[in-house]
Amino acid sequence: MKKFMKIIKEWWFTIVALSLVFIYLTCFCTAEVSGSSMFPTYQNGDFLLIYKTIDVDYGDIVAIDSDILSKILCKRVIGLEGDNIVINSEGI
């Protein structure tokens, strides 16, 4: 037990740093806001730390990796699977 505690005392910083890097790589990603479509919540050039999840609800802000545009898009959720969304001159 003493040998184990000695190893922990010598390597605590490395253990904590590697744990944080692992948590970041598995649970988070970053994105930069490009454009003004998210104004006033986010402005052009803002950096976001994004928590990876599959639970999405109305009003949430999501980041979508667009292969066509070769960048990450940040957008607000206005509809979920099964919703019908109508966009006309009056709005959404």
N, C-alpha and C. Protein backbone atom coordinates (compact mmCIF):
# COMPACT_ATOMS: atom_id res chain seq x y z
N MET A 1 0.83 -1.20 0.00
CA MET A 1 0.00 0.00 0.00
C MET A 1 0.87 1.26 0.00
N LYS A 2 2.00 1.21 0.74
CA LYS A 2 2.89 2.38 0.80
C LYS A 2 3.50 2.66 -0.57
N LYS A 3 3.84 1.59 -1.28
CA LYS A 3 4.42 1.76 -2.62
C LYS A 3 3.39 2.39 -3.56
N PHE A 4 2.13 1.96 -3.46
CA PHE A 4 1.06 2.52 -4.29
C PHE A 4 0.86 4.00 -3.98
N MET A 5 0.84 4.36 -2.72
CA MET A 5 0.67 5.78 -2.33
C MET A 5 1.85 6.63 -2.81
N LYS A 6 3.06 6.05 -2.79
CA LYS A 6 4.23 6.78 -3.28
C LYS A 6 4.10 7.06 -4.77
N ILE A 7 3.64 6.07 -5.53
CA ILE A 7 3.44 6.26 -6.98
C ILE A 7 2.40 7.33 -7.23
N ILE A 8 1.29 7.31 -6.48
CA ILE A 8 0.24 8.31 -6.64
C ILE A 8 0.78 9.71 -6.34
N LYS A 9 1.55 9.85 -5.27
CA LYS A 9 2.11 11.16 -4.91
C LYS A 9 3.06 11.68 -5.98
N GLU A 10 3.81 10.79 -6.62
CA GLU A 10 4.77 11.21 -7.64
C GLU A 10 4.09 11.50 -8.98
N TRP A 11 3.01 10.80 -9.27
CA TRP A 11 2.38 10.90 -10.59
C TRP A 11 1.01 11.56 -10.57
N TRP A 12 0.59 12.21 -9.49
CA TRP A 12 -0.77 12.74 -9.39
C TRP A 12 -1.08 13.73 -10.50
N PHE A 13 -0.14 14.62 -10.80
CA PHE A 13 -0.41 15.64 -11.83
C PHE A 13 -0.63 14.98 -13.19
N THR A 14 0.20 14.02 -13.54
CA THR A 14 0.07 13.32 -14.82
C THR A 14 -1.25 12.55 -14.89
N ILE A 15 -1.62 11.90 -13.79
CA ILE A 15 -2.88 11.15 -13.75
C ILE A 15 -4.07 12.08 -13.94
N VAL A 16 -4.07 13.20 -13.23
CA VAL A 16 -5.17 14.17 -13.35
C VAL A 16 -5.20 14.76 -14.76
N ALA A 17 -4.05 15.13 -15.30
CA ALA A 17 -4.01 15.72 -16.64
C ALA A 17 -4.51 14.75 -17.70
N LEU A 18 -4.08 13.51 -17.64
CA LEU A 18 -4.54 12.50 -18.61
C LEU A 18 -6.04 12.22 -18.45
N SER A 19 -6.53 12.23 -17.23
CA SER A 19 -7.97 12.03 -16.99
C SER A 19 -8.78 13.17 -17.61
N LEU A 20 -8.32 14.40 -17.44
CA LEU A 20 -9.02 15.55 -18.02
C LEU A 20 -8.99 15.52 -19.54
N VAL A 21 -7.86 15.15 -20.12
CA VAL A 21 -7.77 15.04 -21.58
C VAL A 21 -8.71 13.96 -22.08
N PHE A 22 -8.77 12.82 -21.41
CA PHE A 22 -9.67 11.74 -21.80
C PHE A 22 -11.13 12.20 -21.73
N ILE A 23 -11.52 12.87 -20.65
CA ILE A 23 -12.90 13.36 -20.51
C ILE A 23 -13.21 14.36 -21.61
N TYR A 24 -12.28 15.27 -21.89
CA TYR A 24 -12.51 16.26 -22.95
C TYR A 24 -12.70 15.59 -24.30
N LEU A 25 -11.84 14.65 -24.64
CA LEU A 25 -11.90 14.01 -25.96
C LEU A 25 -13.16 13.16 -26.13
N THR A 26 -13.68 12.60 -25.07
CA THR A 26 -14.85 11.73 -25.19
C THR A 26 -16.17 12.47 -24.99
N CYS A 27 -16.17 13.60 -24.30
CA CYS A 27 -17.43 14.27 -23.95
C CYS A 27 -17.62 15.65 -24.56
N PHE A 28 -16.57 16.27 -25.08
CA PHE A 28 -16.67 17.65 -25.54
C PHE A 28 -16.01 17.84 -26.90
N CYS A 29 -16.37 18.93 -27.56
CA CYS A 29 -15.66 19.40 -28.74
C CYS A 29 -15.79 20.92 -28.77
N THR A 30 -15.05 21.57 -29.63
CA THR A 30 -15.11 23.03 -29.73
C THR A 30 -15.56 23.43 -31.13
N ALA A 31 -16.14 24.63 -31.21
CA ALA A 31 -16.56 25.17 -32.50
C ALA A 31 -16.47 26.69 -32.43
N GLU A 32 -16.28 27.30 -33.58
CA GLU A 32 -16.27 28.76 -33.68
C GLU A 32 -17.51 29.21 -34.43
N VAL A 33 -18.20 30.22 -33.90
CA VAL A 33 -19.38 30.76 -34.56
C VAL A 33 -18.94 31.56 -35.77
N SER A 34 -19.54 31.27 -36.91
CA SER A 34 -19.21 31.96 -38.15
C SER A 34 -20.49 32.58 -38.71
N GLY A 35 -20.53 33.88 -38.80
CA GLY A 35 -21.71 34.56 -39.32
C GLY A 35 -22.58 35.12 -38.20
N SER A 36 -23.72 35.66 -38.59
CA SER A 36 -24.58 36.34 -37.62
C SER A 36 -25.92 35.64 -37.39
N SER A 37 -26.06 34.41 -37.85
CA SER A 37 -27.35 33.73 -37.73
C SER A 37 -27.73 33.41 -36.29
N MET A 38 -26.78 33.36 -35.37
CA MET A 38 -27.07 33.07 -33.98
C MET A 38 -27.11 34.32 -33.10
N PHE A 39 -27.04 35.50 -33.71
CA PHE A 39 -27.08 36.76 -32.97
C PHE A 39 -28.46 36.91 -32.34
N PRO A 40 -28.66 37.38 -31.15
CA PRO A 40 -27.71 37.95 -30.20
C PRO A 40 -27.11 36.95 -29.22
N THR A 41 -27.54 35.68 -29.28
CA THR A 41 -27.02 34.68 -28.33
C THR A 41 -25.52 34.52 -28.50
N TYR A 42 -25.07 34.33 -29.73
CA TYR A 42 -23.65 34.22 -30.03
C TYR A 42 -23.33 35.16 -31.17
N GLN A 43 -22.11 35.68 -31.14
CA GLN A 43 -21.69 36.61 -32.19
C GLN A 43 -20.58 35.97 -33.01
N ASN A 44 -20.38 36.52 -34.19
CA ASN A 44 -19.35 36.03 -35.09
C ASN A 44 -18.00 35.99 -34.37
N GLY A 45 -17.33 34.84 -34.44
CA GLY A 45 -16.01 34.70 -33.82
C GLY A 45 -16.03 34.12 -32.42
N ASP A 46 -17.21 33.96 -31.80
CA ASP A 46 -17.27 33.35 -30.48
C ASP A 46 -16.86 31.88 -30.56
N PHE A 47 -16.17 31.40 -29.52
CA PHE A 47 -15.80 29.99 -29.44
C PHE A 47 -16.73 29.29 -28.47
N LEU A 48 -17.16 28.08 -28.83
CA LEU A 48 -18.08 27.33 -28.01
C LEU A 48 -17.44 26.03 -27.55
N LEU A 49 -17.69 25.67 -26.30
CA LEU A 49 -17.32 24.36 -25.79
C LEU A 49 -18.61 23.55 -25.79
N ILE A 50 -18.66 22.50 -26.57
CA ILE A 50 -19.90 21.77 -26.83
C ILE A 50 -19.86 20.41 -26.15
N TYR A 51 -20.92 20.12 -25.38
CA TYR A 51 -21.07 18.82 -24.73
C TYR A 51 -21.74 17.86 -25.70
N LYS A 52 -21.10 16.72 -25.96
CA LYS A 52 -21.64 15.74 -26.90
C LYS A 52 -22.79 14.97 -26.25
N THR A 53 -23.96 15.02 -26.89
CA THR A 53 -25.13 14.31 -26.38
C THR A 53 -26.08 13.99 -27.54
N ILE A 54 -27.01 13.09 -27.30
CA ILE A 54 -28.03 12.80 -28.30
C ILE A 54 -29.40 13.28 -27.82
N ASP A 55 -29.47 13.79 -26.59
CA ASP A 55 -30.73 14.32 -26.06
C ASP A 55 -30.87 15.78 -26.48
N VAL A 56 -31.79 16.04 -27.41
CA VAL A 56 -31.99 17.38 -27.95
C VAL A 56 -33.45 17.76 -27.75
N ASP A 57 -33.69 19.03 -27.39
CA ASP A 57 -35.05 19.51 -27.19
C ASP A 57 -35.20 20.87 -27.87
N TYR A 58 -36.44 21.33 -27.96
CA TYR A 58 -36.73 22.63 -28.57
C TYR A 58 -35.92 23.73 -27.89
N GLY A 59 -35.35 24.61 -28.69
CA GLY A 59 -34.59 25.74 -28.18
C GLY A 59 -33.13 25.45 -27.90
N ASP A 60 -32.74 24.19 -27.89
CA ASP A 60 -31.33 23.85 -27.67
C ASP A 60 -30.49 24.35 -28.84
N ILE A 61 -29.23 24.61 -28.56
CA ILE A 61 -28.29 24.98 -29.62
C ILE A 61 -27.43 23.76 -29.90
N VAL A 62 -27.38 23.37 -31.17
CA VAL A 62 -26.64 22.17 -31.56
C VAL A 62 -25.53 22.54 -32.54
N ALA A 63 -24.52 21.70 -32.58
CA ALA A 63 -23.43 21.86 -33.55
C ALA A 63 -23.48 20.68 -34.50
N ILE A 64 -23.49 20.97 -35.78
CA ILE A 64 -23.61 19.95 -36.80
C ILE A 64 -22.38 20.05 -37.71
N ASP A 65 -21.71 18.94 -37.90
CA ASP A 65 -20.53 18.90 -38.77
C ASP A 65 -21.01 18.73 -40.21
N SER A 66 -20.87 19.77 -41.02
CA SER A 66 -21.34 19.76 -42.40
C SER A 66 -20.22 19.33 -43.34
N ASP A 67 -20.41 18.18 -43.98
CA ASP A 67 -19.44 17.72 -44.97
C ASP A 67 -19.46 18.59 -46.22
N ILE A 68 -20.63 19.06 -46.59
CA ILE A 68 -20.77 19.87 -47.80
C ILE A 68 -20.05 21.21 -47.65
N LEU A 69 -20.22 21.87 -46.49
CA LEU A 69 -19.59 23.17 -46.28
C LEU A 69 -18.20 23.07 -45.64
N SER A 70 -17.83 21.87 -45.21
CA SER A 70 -16.54 21.61 -44.55
C SER A 70 -16.34 22.48 -43.31
N LYS A 71 -17.39 22.62 -42.50
CA LYS A 71 -17.28 23.34 -41.25
C LYS A 71 -18.39 22.90 -40.30
N ILE A 72 -18.28 23.33 -39.05
CA ILE A 72 -19.28 23.02 -38.04
C ILE A 72 -20.29 24.15 -38.00
N LEU A 73 -21.58 23.80 -38.10
CA LEU A 73 -22.66 24.78 -38.05
C LEU A 73 -23.29 24.78 -36.66
N CYS A 74 -23.54 25.95 -36.10
CA CYS A 74 -24.21 26.09 -34.81
C CYS A 74 -25.60 26.65 -35.07
N LYS A 75 -26.63 25.89 -34.69
CA LYS A 75 -28.01 26.28 -34.96
C LYS A 75 -28.90 25.97 -33.77
N ARG A 76 -30.04 26.69 -33.68
CA ARG A 76 -31.03 26.46 -32.64
C ARG A 76 -32.08 25.47 -33.14
N VAL A 77 -32.50 24.54 -32.29
CA VAL A 77 -33.49 23.52 -32.65
C VAL A 77 -34.88 24.15 -32.64
N ILE A 78 -35.57 24.10 -33.80
CA ILE A 78 -36.94 24.61 -33.89
C ILE A 78 -37.94 23.49 -34.14
N GLY A 79 -37.45 22.28 -34.38
CA GLY A 79 -38.34 21.15 -34.61
C GLY A 79 -37.63 19.85 -34.34
N LEU A 80 -38.42 18.87 -33.96
CA LEU A 80 -37.89 17.54 -33.69
C LEU A 80 -38.48 16.55 -34.67
N GLU A 81 -37.99 15.33 -34.65
CA GLU A 81 -38.45 14.29 -35.55
C GLU A 81 -39.98 14.16 -35.46
N GLY A 82 -40.63 14.17 -36.62
CA GLY A 82 -42.08 14.05 -36.68
C GLY A 82 -42.81 15.37 -36.73
N ASP A 83 -42.14 16.48 -36.46
CA ASP A 83 -42.77 17.80 -36.53
C ASP A 83 -42.91 18.24 -37.98
N ASN A 84 -43.95 19.01 -38.27
CA ASN A 84 -44.11 19.66 -39.57
C ASN A 84 -43.84 21.14 -39.36
N ILE A 85 -42.88 21.67 -40.09
CA ILE A 85 -42.50 23.08 -39.95
C ILE A 85 -42.89 23.80 -41.24
N VAL A 86 -43.62 24.89 -41.05
CA VAL A 86 -44.08 25.67 -42.21
C VAL A 86 -43.40 27.03 -42.13
N ILE A 87 -42.73 27.42 -43.21
CA ILE A 87 -42.09 28.72 -43.30
C ILE A 87 -42.78 29.49 -44.42
N ASN A 88 -43.33 30.64 -44.06
CA ASN A 88 -44.01 31.49 -45.05
C ASN A 88 -43.70 32.95 -44.76
N SER A 89 -44.41 33.84 -45.40
CA SER A 89 -44.14 35.28 -45.25
C SER A 89 -44.42 35.77 -43.83
N GLU A 90 -45.22 35.04 -43.06
CA GLU A 90 -45.52 35.42 -41.68
C GLU A 90 -44.46 34.95 -40.70
N GLY A 91 -43.61 34.05 -41.13
CA GLY A 91 -42.54 33.52 -40.27
C GLY A 91 -42.61 32.01 -40.19
N ILE A 92 -42.15 31.48 -39.09
CA ILE A 92 -42.11 30.03 -38.90
C ILE A 92 -43.38 29.58 -38.20
